C-alpha atoms as a PDB file:
ATOM      1  CA  MET A   1      59.465 182.576   3.330  1.00  0.00           C
ATOM      2  CA  LEU A   2      59.295 181.280   6.888  1.00  0.00           C
ATOM      3  CA  HIS A   3      55.577 180.435   6.524  1.00  0.00           C
ATOM      4  CA  HIS A   4      56.294 178.816   3.165  1.00  0.00           C
ATOM      5  CA  GLY A   5      59.042 176.636   4.660  1.00  0.00           C
ATOM      6  CA  ILE A   6      56.796 175.545   7.534  1.00  0.00           C
ATOM      7  CA  ALA A   7      53.865 174.787   5.213  1.00  0.00           C
ATOM      8  CA  GLN A   8      56.055 172.791   2.839  1.00  0.00           C
ATOM      9  CA  GLY A   9      57.479 170.760   5.709  1.00  0.00           C
ATOM     10  CA  VAL A  10      54.059 170.048   7.233  1.00  0.00           C
ATOM     11  CA  LEU A  11      51.998 169.486   4.099  1.00  0.00           C
ATOM     12  CA  GLY A  12      54.599 168.054   1.721  1.00  0.00           C
ATOM     13  CA  ALA A  13      55.237 164.359   1.252  1.00  0.00           C
ATOM     14  CA  TRP A  14      57.687 162.834   3.688  1.00  0.00           C
ATOM     15  CA  ARG A  15      60.553 160.705   2.433  1.00  0.00           C
ATOM     16  CA  SER A  16      59.113 157.816   4.410  1.00  0.00           C
ATOM     17  CA  ASP A  17      55.903 158.080   2.362  1.00  0.00           C
ATOM     18  CA  ALA A  18      57.858 157.878  -0.903  1.00  0.00           C
ATOM     19  CA  LEU A  19      59.834 154.921   0.401  1.00  0.00           C
ATOM     20  CA  GLU A  20      56.643 153.145   1.442  1.00  0.00           C
ATOM     21  CA  ARG A  21      55.162 153.657  -2.020  1.00  0.00           C
ATOM     22  CA  GLU A  22      58.389 152.394  -3.623  1.00  0.00           C
ATOM     23  CA  VAL A  23      58.385 149.285  -1.432  1.00  0.00           C
ATOM     24  CA  ALA A  24      54.714 148.673  -2.224  1.00  0.00           C
ATOM     25  CA  ASP A  25      55.387 149.022  -5.962  1.00  0.00           C
ATOM     26  CA  LEU A  26      58.343 146.647  -5.787  1.00  0.00           C
ATOM     27  CA  SER A  27      56.322 144.115  -3.786  1.00  0.00           C
ATOM     28  CA  ALA A  28      53.484 144.272  -6.322  1.00  0.00           C
ATOM     29  CA  SER A  29      55.940 143.859  -9.194  1.00  0.00           C
ATOM     30  CA  ARG A  30      57.604 140.897  -7.530  1.00  0.00           C
ATOM     31  CA  GLY A  31      54.226 139.309  -6.834  1.00  0.00           C
ATOM     32  CA  ALA A  32      53.170 139.768 -10.459  1.00  0.00           C
ATOM     33  CA  ALA A  33      56.420 138.197 -11.662  1.00  0.00           C
ATOM     34  CA  LEU A  34      55.952 135.190  -9.378  1.00  0.00           C
ATOM     35  CA  VAL A  35      52.366 134.710 -10.561  1.00  0.00           C
ATOM     36  CA  ALA A  36      53.485 134.919 -14.189  1.00  0.00           C
ATOM     37  CA  GLU A  37      56.248 132.354 -13.659  1.00  0.00           C
ATOM     38  CA  ASP A  38      53.824 130.005 -11.886  1.00  0.00           C
ATOM     39  CA  GLN A  39      51.301 130.277 -14.719  1.00  0.00           C
ATOM     40  CA  ALA A  40      54.014 129.689 -17.325  1.00  0.00           C
ATOM     41  CA  LEU A  41      55.253 126.572 -15.516  1.00  0.00           C
ATOM     42  CA  ARG A  42      51.727 125.198 -15.143  1.00  0.00           C
ATOM     43  CA  ARG A  43      50.995 125.804 -18.821  1.00  0.00           C
ATOM     44  CA  LEU A  44      54.254 124.136 -19.828  1.00  0.00           C
ATOM     45  CA  GLU A  45      53.444 121.159 -17.628  1.00  0.00           C
ATOM     46  CA  ARG A  46      49.989 120.888 -19.218  1.00  0.00           C
ATOM     47  CA  ASP A  47      51.381 121.198 -22.744  1.00  0.00           C
ATOM     48  CA  LEU A  48      53.999 118.522 -22.086  1.00  0.00           C
ATOM     49  CA  HIS A  49      51.391 116.178 -20.622  1.00  0.00           C
ATOM     50  CA  ASP A  50      48.844 116.680 -23.387  1.00  0.00           C
ATOM     51  CA  GLY A  51      51.348 116.654 -26.250  1.00  0.00           C
ATOM     52  CA  PRO A  52      54.808 115.014 -26.219  1.00  0.00           C
ATOM     53  CA  GLN A  53      54.097 112.744 -23.247  1.00  0.00           C
ATOM     54  CA  GLN A  54      51.047 111.196 -24.922  1.00  0.00           C
ATOM     55  CA  ARG A  55      52.935 110.807 -28.194  1.00  0.00           C
ATOM     56  CA  LEU A  56      55.823 109.057 -26.434  1.00  0.00           C
ATOM     57  CA  ILE A  57      53.427 106.632 -24.713  1.00  0.00           C
ATOM     58  CA  ARG A  58      51.880 105.863 -28.098  1.00  0.00           C
ATOM     59  CA  LEU A  59      55.367 105.439 -29.578  1.00  0.00           C
ATOM     60  CA  GLN A  60      56.337 102.971 -26.845  1.00  0.00           C
ATOM     61  CA  MET A  61      53.182 100.933 -27.463  1.00  0.00           C
ATOM     62  CA  ASP A  62      53.762 100.891 -31.232  1.00  0.00           C
ATOM     63  CA  ILE A  63      57.337  99.666 -30.845  1.00  0.00           C
ATOM     64  CA  ALA A  64      56.210  96.897 -28.476  1.00  0.00           C
ATOM     65  CA  SER A  65      53.509  95.881 -30.964  1.00  0.00           C
ATOM     66  CA  ALA A  66      56.029  95.806 -33.821  1.00  0.00           C
ATOM     67  CA  GLU A  67      58.365  93.609 -31.775  1.00  0.00           C
ATOM     68  CA  ARG A  68      55.570  91.078 -31.247  1.00  0.00           C
ATOM     69  CA  LYS A  69      54.819  90.949 -34.976  1.00  0.00           C
ATOM     70  CA  LEU A  70      58.397  90.766 -36.280  1.00  0.00           C
ATOM     71  CA  GLU A  71      58.341  87.009 -36.790  1.00  0.00           C
ATOM     72  CA  SER A  72      54.671  86.299 -37.422  1.00  0.00           C
ATOM     73  CA  ASP A  73      53.837  89.287 -39.670  1.00  0.00           C
ATOM     74  CA  PRO A  74      56.917  91.230 -40.839  1.00  0.00           C
ATOM     75  CA  ASP A  75      54.914  93.453 -43.204  1.00  0.00           C
ATOM     76  CA  ALA A  76      52.615  94.597 -40.404  1.00  0.00           C
ATOM     77  CA  ALA A  77      55.644  95.196 -38.173  1.00  0.00           C
ATOM     78  CA  ARG A  78      57.259  97.387 -40.835  1.00  0.00           C
ATOM     79  CA  ALA A  79      54.041  99.390 -41.198  1.00  0.00           C
ATOM     80  CA  ILE A  80      53.864  99.926 -37.437  1.00  0.00           C
ATOM     81  CA  LEU A  81      57.517 101.003 -37.326  1.00  0.00           C
ATOM     82  CA  ALA A  82      56.921 103.470 -40.155  1.00  0.00           C
ATOM     83  CA  GLU A  83      54.060 104.996 -38.198  1.00  0.00           C
ATOM     84  CA  ALA A  84      56.251 105.060 -35.087  1.00  0.00           C
ATOM     85  CA  GLY A  85      58.865 106.999 -37.053  1.00  0.00           C
ATOM     86  CA  ALA A  86      56.236 109.576 -37.999  1.00  0.00           C
ATOM     87  CA  GLN A  87      55.196 109.808 -34.344  1.00  0.00           C
ATOM     88  CA  ALA A  88      58.828 110.428 -33.346  1.00  0.00           C
ATOM     89  CA  ARG A  89      59.169 113.249 -35.904  1.00  0.00           C
ATOM     90  CA  ASP A  90      55.926 114.882 -34.741  1.00  0.00           C
ATOM     91  CA  THR A  91      57.059 114.650 -31.108  1.00  0.00           C
ATOM     92  CA  LEU A  92      60.370 116.289 -31.956  1.00  0.00           C
ATOM     93  CA  GLU A  93      58.613 119.156 -33.754  1.00  0.00           C
ATOM     94  CA  GLU A  94      56.263 119.659 -30.816  1.00  0.00           C
ATOM     95  CA  LEU A  95      59.165 119.743 -28.356  1.00  0.00           C
ATOM     96  CA  ARG A  96      60.939 122.276 -30.559  1.00  0.00           C
ATOM     97  CA  ALA A  97      57.808 124.442 -30.606  1.00  0.00           C
ATOM     98  CA  LEU A  98      57.544 124.294 -26.797  1.00  0.00           C
ATOM     99  CA  SER A  99      61.222 125.125 -26.366  1.00  0.00           C
ATOM    100  CA  ARG A 100      60.844 128.403 -28.265  1.00  0.00           C
ATOM    101  CA  GLY A 101      59.565 129.996 -25.072  1.00  0.00           C
ATOM    102  CA  PHE A 102      62.926 129.372 -23.389  1.00  0.00           C
ATOM    103  CA  ALA A 103      66.093 131.341 -23.919  1.00  0.00           C
ATOM    104  CA  PRO A 104      67.897 129.722 -26.890  1.00  0.00           C
ATOM    105  CA  PRO A 105      71.716 129.535 -27.057  1.00  0.00           C
ATOM    106  CA  ILE A 106      71.741 132.123 -29.866  1.00  0.00           C
ATOM    107  CA  LEU A 107      70.253 134.674 -27.443  1.00  0.00           C
ATOM    108  CA  GLN A 108      73.086 134.169 -24.982  1.00  0.00           C
ATOM    109  CA  ASP A 109      75.781 134.074 -27.666  1.00  0.00           C
ATOM    110  CA  ARG A 110      74.713 136.753 -30.148  1.00  0.00           C
ATOM    111  CA  GLY A 111      72.136 138.943 -28.437  1.00  0.00           C
ATOM    112  CA  LEU A 112      68.477 139.866 -28.630  1.00  0.00           C
ATOM    113  CA  VAL A 113      68.223 141.118 -32.229  1.00  0.00           C
ATOM    114  CA  THR A 114      69.850 138.043 -33.778  1.00  0.00           C
ATOM    115  CA  ALA A 115      67.747 135.710 -31.607  1.00  0.00           C
ATOM    116  CA  ILE A 116      64.511 137.418 -32.660  1.00  0.00           C
ATOM    117  CA  GLU A 117      65.623 137.372 -36.310  1.00  0.00           C
ATOM    118  CA  SER A 118      65.934 133.594 -35.939  1.00  0.00           C
ATOM    119  CA  LEU A 119      62.532 133.414 -34.232  1.00  0.00           C
ATOM    120  CA  VAL A 120      60.880 135.390 -37.041  1.00  0.00           C
ATOM    121  CA  ALA A 121      62.512 133.208 -39.708  1.00  0.00           C
ATOM    122  CA  ARG A 122      60.970 130.072 -38.135  1.00  0.00           C
ATOM    123  CA  SER A 123      57.438 131.475 -37.958  1.00  0.00           C
ATOM    124  CA  PRO A 124      54.870 129.631 -40.120  1.00  0.00           C
ATOM    125  CA  ILE A 125      53.174 132.996 -40.706  1.00  0.00           C
ATOM    126  CA  PRO A 126      55.393 135.611 -42.425  1.00  0.00           C
ATOM    127  CA  ILE A 127      56.595 138.232 -39.934  1.00  0.00           C
ATOM    128  CA  GLN A 128      58.396 141.396 -40.983  1.00  0.00           C
ATOM    129  CA  LEU A 129      60.890 142.543 -38.343  1.00  0.00           C
ATOM    130  CA  GLU A 130      61.419 146.279 -37.904  1.00  0.00           C
ATOM    131  CA  THR A 131      64.165 147.355 -35.517  1.00  0.00           C
ATOM    132  CA  GLY A 132      66.555 150.228 -35.068  1.00  0.00           C
ATOM    133  CA  ILE A 133      68.757 148.225 -32.684  1.00  0.00           C
ATOM    134  CA  ALA A 134      72.075 147.237 -34.210  1.00  0.00           C
ATOM    135  CA  PRO A 135      72.871 143.507 -34.271  1.00  0.00           C
ATOM    136  CA  GLY A 136      75.253 142.683 -31.459  1.00  0.00           C
ATOM    137  CA  THR A 137      73.793 145.294 -29.093  1.00  0.00           C
ATOM    138  CA  ARG A 138      73.557 143.698 -25.658  1.00  0.00           C
ATOM    139  CA  PHE A 139      71.217 144.355 -22.754  1.00  0.00           C
ATOM    140  CA  SER A 140      71.112 142.774 -19.322  1.00  0.00           C
ATOM    141  CA  PRO A 141      70.470 138.984 -19.439  1.00  0.00           C
ATOM    142  CA  GLU A 142      67.146 139.377 -17.628  1.00  0.00           C
ATOM    143  CA  LEU A 143      65.904 142.001 -20.069  1.00  0.00           C
ATOM    144  CA  GLU A 144      66.995 139.957 -23.095  1.00  0.00           C
ATOM    145  CA  ARG A 145      65.283 136.819 -21.782  1.00  0.00           C
ATOM    146  CA  SER A 146      62.073 138.705 -21.005  1.00  0.00           C
ATOM    147  CA  ALA A 147      61.934 140.515 -24.364  1.00  0.00           C
ATOM    148  CA  TYR A 148      62.613 137.264 -26.223  1.00  0.00           C
ATOM    149  CA  TYR A 149      59.910 135.513 -24.201  1.00  0.00           C
ATOM    150  CA  VAL A 150      57.407 138.241 -25.088  1.00  0.00           C
ATOM    151  CA  ALA A 151      58.252 137.993 -28.809  1.00  0.00           C
ATOM    152  CA  ALA A 152      58.144 134.163 -28.758  1.00  0.00           C
ATOM    153  CA  GLU A 153      54.781 134.089 -26.978  1.00  0.00           C
ATOM    154  CA  LEU A 154      53.294 136.634 -29.383  1.00  0.00           C
ATOM    155  CA  ALA A 155      54.577 134.630 -32.362  1.00  0.00           C
ATOM    156  CA  THR A 156      53.045 131.452 -30.914  1.00  0.00           C
ATOM    157  CA  ASN A 157      49.659 133.139 -30.388  1.00  0.00           C
ATOM    158  CA  LEU A 158      49.886 134.534 -33.898  1.00  0.00           C
ATOM    159  CA  ALA A 159      50.299 131.053 -35.388  1.00  0.00           C
ATOM    160  CA  LYS A 160      47.661 129.385 -33.187  1.00  0.00           C
ATOM    161  CA  HIS A 161      44.834 131.863 -32.803  1.00  0.00           C
ATOM    162  CA  SER A 162      45.040 134.949 -35.018  1.00  0.00           C
ATOM    163  CA  GLY A 163      43.951 133.650 -38.428  1.00  0.00           C
ATOM    164  CA  ALA A 164      46.439 136.136 -39.886  1.00  0.00           C
ATOM    165  CA  THR A 165      48.384 135.811 -43.121  1.00  0.00           C
ATOM    166  CA  SER A 166      51.119 138.316 -42.229  1.00  0.00           C
ATOM    167  CA  ALA A 167      52.414 140.313 -39.289  1.00  0.00           C
ATOM    168  CA  ARG A 168      54.922 142.998 -38.334  1.00  0.00           C
ATOM    169  CA  LEU A 169      57.167 142.818 -35.266  1.00  0.00           C
ATOM    170  CA  PHE A 170      58.558 146.111 -33.983  1.00  0.00           C
ATOM    171  CA  LEU A 171      61.579 146.060 -31.653  1.00  0.00           C
ATOM    172  CA  ASP A 172      63.354 149.215 -30.557  1.00  0.00           C
ATOM    173  CA  THR A 173      64.466 151.383 -27.658  1.00  0.00           C
ATOM    174  CA  ARG A 174      63.271 154.887 -26.836  1.00  0.00           C
ATOM    175  CA  LEU A 175      63.611 157.617 -24.225  1.00  0.00           C
ATOM    176  CA  ASP A 176      60.542 159.082 -22.525  1.00  0.00           C
ATOM    177  CA  GLY A 177      60.122 162.713 -21.491  1.00  0.00           C
ATOM    178  CA  SER A 178      62.077 162.201 -18.276  1.00  0.00           C
ATOM    179  CA  GLY A 179      65.012 160.588 -20.079  1.00  0.00           C
ATOM    180  CA  ARG A 180      64.145 157.072 -18.969  1.00  0.00           C
ATOM    181  CA  SER A 181      65.064 154.296 -21.411  1.00  0.00           C
ATOM    182  CA  TRP A 182      62.454 151.732 -22.543  1.00  0.00           C
ATOM    183  CA  LEU A 183      62.515 148.661 -24.764  1.00  0.00           C
ATOM    184  CA  ASP A 184      59.409 148.272 -26.955  1.00  0.00           C
ATOM    185  CA  VAL A 185      58.211 144.950 -28.406  1.00  0.00           C
ATOM    186  CA  TRP A 186      55.074 145.160 -30.553  1.00  0.00           C
ATOM    187  CA  LEU A 187      53.366 142.683 -32.884  1.00  0.00           C
ATOM    188  CA  THR A 188      50.704 143.799 -35.376  1.00  0.00           C
ATOM    189  CA  ASP A 189      48.803 141.279 -37.534  1.00  0.00           C
ATOM    190  CA  ASN A 190      45.995 141.257 -40.101  1.00  0.00           C
ATOM    191  CA  GLY A 191      43.988 138.503 -38.412  1.00  0.00           C
ATOM    192  CA  HIS A 192      40.390 138.363 -37.240  1.00  0.00           C
ATOM    193  CA  GLY A 193      41.068 140.105 -33.907  1.00  0.00           C
ATOM    194  CA  GLY A 194      39.158 139.470 -30.702  1.00  0.00           C
ATOM    195  CA  ALA A 195      42.210 138.741 -28.536  1.00  0.00           C
ATOM    196  CA  SER A 196      41.707 139.525 -24.855  1.00  0.00           C
ATOM    197  CA  LEU A 197      43.309 139.092 -21.440  1.00  0.00           C
ATOM    198  CA  VAL A 198      41.694 135.992 -19.923  1.00  0.00           C
ATOM    199  CA  ASP A 199      42.928 134.746 -16.537  1.00  0.00           C
ATOM    200  CA  GLY A 200      45.044 131.643 -16.820  1.00  0.00           C
ATOM    201  CA  HIS A 201      45.729 132.009 -20.529  1.00  0.00           C
ATOM    202  CA  GLY A 202      48.876 133.007 -22.408  1.00  0.00           C
ATOM    203  CA  LEU A 203      48.292 136.741 -22.832  1.00  0.00           C
ATOM    204  CA  SER A 204      47.310 137.172 -19.190  1.00  0.00           C
ATOM    205  CA  GLY A 205      50.483 135.443 -18.024  1.00  0.00           C
ATOM    206  CA  LEU A 206      52.490 137.525 -20.456  1.00  0.00           C
ATOM    207  CA  GLY A 207      50.991 140.707 -19.033  1.00  0.00           C
ATOM    208  CA  GLU A 208      51.836 139.599 -15.492  1.00  0.00           C
ATOM    209  CA  ARG A 209      55.424 138.905 -16.535  1.00  0.00           C
ATOM    210  CA  VAL A 210      55.794 142.373 -18.088  1.00  0.00           C
ATOM    211  CA  ARG A 211      54.255 144.088 -15.073  1.00  0.00           C
ATOM    212  CA  GLY A 212      56.638 142.096 -12.889  1.00  0.00           C
ATOM    213  CA  LEU A 213      59.410 144.021 -14.661  1.00  0.00           C
ATOM    214  CA  ARG A 214      57.523 147.265 -13.931  1.00  0.00           C
ATOM    215  CA  GLY A 215      56.624 147.526 -17.591  1.00  0.00           C
ATOM    216  CA  GLU A 216      53.395 148.103 -19.491  1.00  0.00           C
ATOM    217  CA  PHE A 217      51.451 145.551 -21.533  1.00  0.00           C
ATOM    218  CA  THR A 218      48.758 146.523 -24.051  1.00  0.00           C
ATOM    219  CA  VAL A 219      46.271 144.477 -26.083  1.00  0.00           C
ATOM    220  CA  ASP A 220      44.390 146.307 -28.846  1.00  0.00           C
ATOM    221  CA  SER A 221      42.395 143.713 -30.774  1.00  0.00           C
ATOM    222  CA  PRO A 222      38.941 144.755 -32.010  1.00  0.00           C
ATOM    223  CA  VAL A 223      36.795 142.056 -33.586  1.00  0.00           C
ATOM    224  CA  GLY A 224      37.703 141.954 -37.263  1.00  0.00           C
ATOM    225  CA  GLY A 225      41.244 143.148 -36.566  1.00  0.00           C
ATOM    226  CA  PRO A 226      43.868 144.348 -36.848  1.00  0.00           C
ATOM    227  CA  THR A 227      45.475 143.204 -33.612  1.00  0.00           C
ATOM    228  CA  ARG A 228      48.267 145.164 -31.885  1.00  0.00           C
ATOM    229  CA  ILE A 229      49.825 143.603 -28.815  1.00  0.00           C
ATOM    230  CA  GLY A 230      52.949 144.922 -27.197  1.00  0.00           C
ATOM    231  CA  ALA A 231      55.089 145.558 -24.176  1.00  0.00           C
ATOM    232  CA  HIS A 232      57.081 148.541 -22.927  1.00  0.00           C
ATOM    233  CA  ILE A 233      59.831 147.348 -20.578  1.00  0.00           C
ATOM    234  CA  PRO A 234      62.025 149.799 -18.667  1.00  0.00           C
ATOM    235  CA  VAL A 235      65.655 149.046 -19.436  1.00  0.00           C
ATOM    236  CA  SER A 236      66.832 150.068 -15.975  1.00  0.00           C
ATOM    237  CA  ALA A 237      64.318 147.764 -14.240  1.00  0.00           C
ATOM    238  CA  ALA A 238      66.154 144.719 -15.568  1.00  0.00           C
ATOM    239  CA  GLY A 239      69.615 145.895 -14.574  1.00  0.00           C
END
């Protein structure tokens, strides 16, 4: 027993080693979260510049042109104003689409399940929501924002790139073998597949965000489909 105690003390891991590994893991997670936030902000800036900003410039020019023609050619002015109205509606829809990546008021007021139910109802591609979480169940604000962001980003990619006609969104909590609690968010679609993690694109930034929460992000998308993309986020990591 004496030899065993000495050997365990000499050869076993020191507490300082465990603490160093924990600090390294936390630093890596924080770095991944910062990279993900930076990529998301840059993408939002690019989307605003290429979309709503250009539409608003065009709208301003159309209104100025209509003002010049009000007296000399009223019919042409009315036609320009009608087109400007269509531009304004398109800009509003585009801004609404961009805002889906942010935390909506319904998420803060009524919780994650209700917010994702609203997100699914707005999807142009039918999404069936499967969840065992009761409406009104609340998690930490950070976890709710992150899970909603994951679901919103997956729904956006579904509409833009998948070529799918239907999808299934799975949202639930589970306990692993050690009793640790996780929140799972998975989207499965019947599209053409081929999704991959490309640096600087949406799925890559999404993966960085999940890893920043010390979670796991998986993309399973063979060419021809189906595509399964999801995140496992530790509940305790977000408070």
